[in-house]
Protein backbone atom coordinates (compact mmCIF):
# COMPACT_ATOMS: atom_id res chain seq x y z
CA MET A 1 8.03 -8.19 -8.03
CA ILE A 2 7.42 -4.07 -7.61
CA LEU A 3 5.07 -3.34 -6.20
CA TYR A 4 4.58 0.36 -5.25
CA HIS A 5 1.81 2.31 -1.98
CA GLY A 6 0.82 5.69 -2.43
CA THR A 7 1.09 7.84 0.13
CA ASP A 8 2.39 10.77 1.84
CA ILE A 9 5.78 11.24 2.98
CA GLU A 10 5.62 10.85 6.32
CA SER A 11 3.19 8.41 6.43
CA ALA A 12 6.24 6.77 4.14
CA GLU A 13 8.55 7.47 6.67
CA LYS A 14 6.23 4.76 8.89
CA ILE A 15 5.65 2.89 6.64
CA MET A 16 10.10 1.89 5.65
CA SER A 17 10.55 0.67 9.39
CA LYS A 18 6.97 -1.12 9.79
CA ILE A 19 4.30 -1.59 7.26
CA ARG A 20 1.29 -1.46 10.03
CA LEU A 21 -2.31 -3.43 8.37
CA ASP A 22 -4.11 -1.78 11.68
CA VAL A 23 -4.14 2.11 10.36
CA GLY A 24 -5.82 3.94 8.03
CA SER A 25 -9.44 4.00 7.00
CA SER A 26 -12.31 1.16 7.79
CA ARG A 27 -15.04 3.27 4.91
CA VAL A 28 -12.44 1.90 1.54
CA ASP A 29 -13.35 -0.77 -1.11
CA PHE A 30 -11.27 -3.67 1.28
CA GLY A 31 -11.89 -2.35 5.10
CA ARG A 32 -8.20 -1.15 6.83
CA GLY A 33 -5.19 -2.62 5.30
CA PHE A 34 -1.67 -1.67 3.15
CA TYR A 35 -2.90 -0.83 -0.59
CA THR A 36 -0.50 -1.55 -3.25
CA THR A 37 -0.35 -1.94 -7.11
CA THR A 38 1.89 -2.97 -9.69
CA SER A 39 1.12 0.83 -11.35
CA PRO A 40 3.78 3.79 -10.54
CA GLU A 41 1.28 5.94 -12.39
CA THR A 42 -1.39 4.75 -10.12
CA ALA A 43 0.46 5.33 -6.99
CA LYS A 44 1.89 8.62 -8.10
CA LYS A 45 -2.41 9.34 -8.20
CA TRP A 46 -3.32 8.07 -4.05
CA ALA A 47 0.55 9.96 -3.07
CA LEU A 48 -0.93 13.26 -4.83
CA ARG A 49 -4.28 12.81 -3.63
CA LYS A 50 -3.45 11.61 -0.01
CA ALA A 51 -0.59 14.15 0.49
CA LYS A 52 -3.39 17.06 -0.58
CA VAL A 53 -5.74 16.17 2.46
CA ARG A 54 -3.41 15.50 4.93
CA LYS A 55 -1.45 18.95 3.12
CA GLN A 56 2.25 17.17 2.53
CA LYS A 57 4.13 16.27 0.27
CA PRO A 58 3.31 13.03 -1.95
CA ALA A 59 6.01 9.70 -1.74
CA VAL A 60 5.64 6.68 -3.35
CA VAL A 61 7.57 4.06 -1.66
CA ILE A 62 8.42 1.18 -3.33
CA LEU A 63 8.66 -2.55 -2.99
CA ASN A 64 10.43 -5.78 -3.74
CA PHE A 65 7.71 -7.66 -3.35
CA ASP A 66 9.43 -11.73 -2.47
CA ASP A 67 6.72 -14.06 -4.17
CA LYS A 68 7.44 -17.65 -4.16
CA SER A 69 8.26 -16.41 -0.12
CA ALA A 70 4.75 -15.29 -0.20
CA ASN A 71 3.60 -18.68 -0.85
CA LYS A 72 3.88 -19.57 2.25
CA ILE A 73 1.86 -17.30 3.77
CA ILE A 74 -0.73 -16.62 1.62
CA LYS A 75 -4.26 -18.77 1.72
CA ARG A 76 -5.02 -18.71 -1.68
CA PHE A 77 -9.35 -19.81 -2.13
CA GLN A 78 -10.82 -22.37 -4.74
CA ASN A 79 -14.33 -20.59 -4.91
CA ASP A 80 -15.39 -17.93 -4.73
CA LEU A 81 -15.52 -16.54 -1.26
């Protein structure tokens, strides 16, 4: 599965060496974390937004996510939380 993360170029370079879940704003929908989308268009919109605020160039990080391997580490809930 291909996932996209829209950000600025400086942050994208940091992400390429290590994805950190403890950075970012705590005032977003689901708190701190690393947000991705399956939509390249949505990632581009976020990249433009983040870059404008940070006065940087926009960038989209493209991740090839192996969801078969991830099943071993993802807790799946049977009921709504």
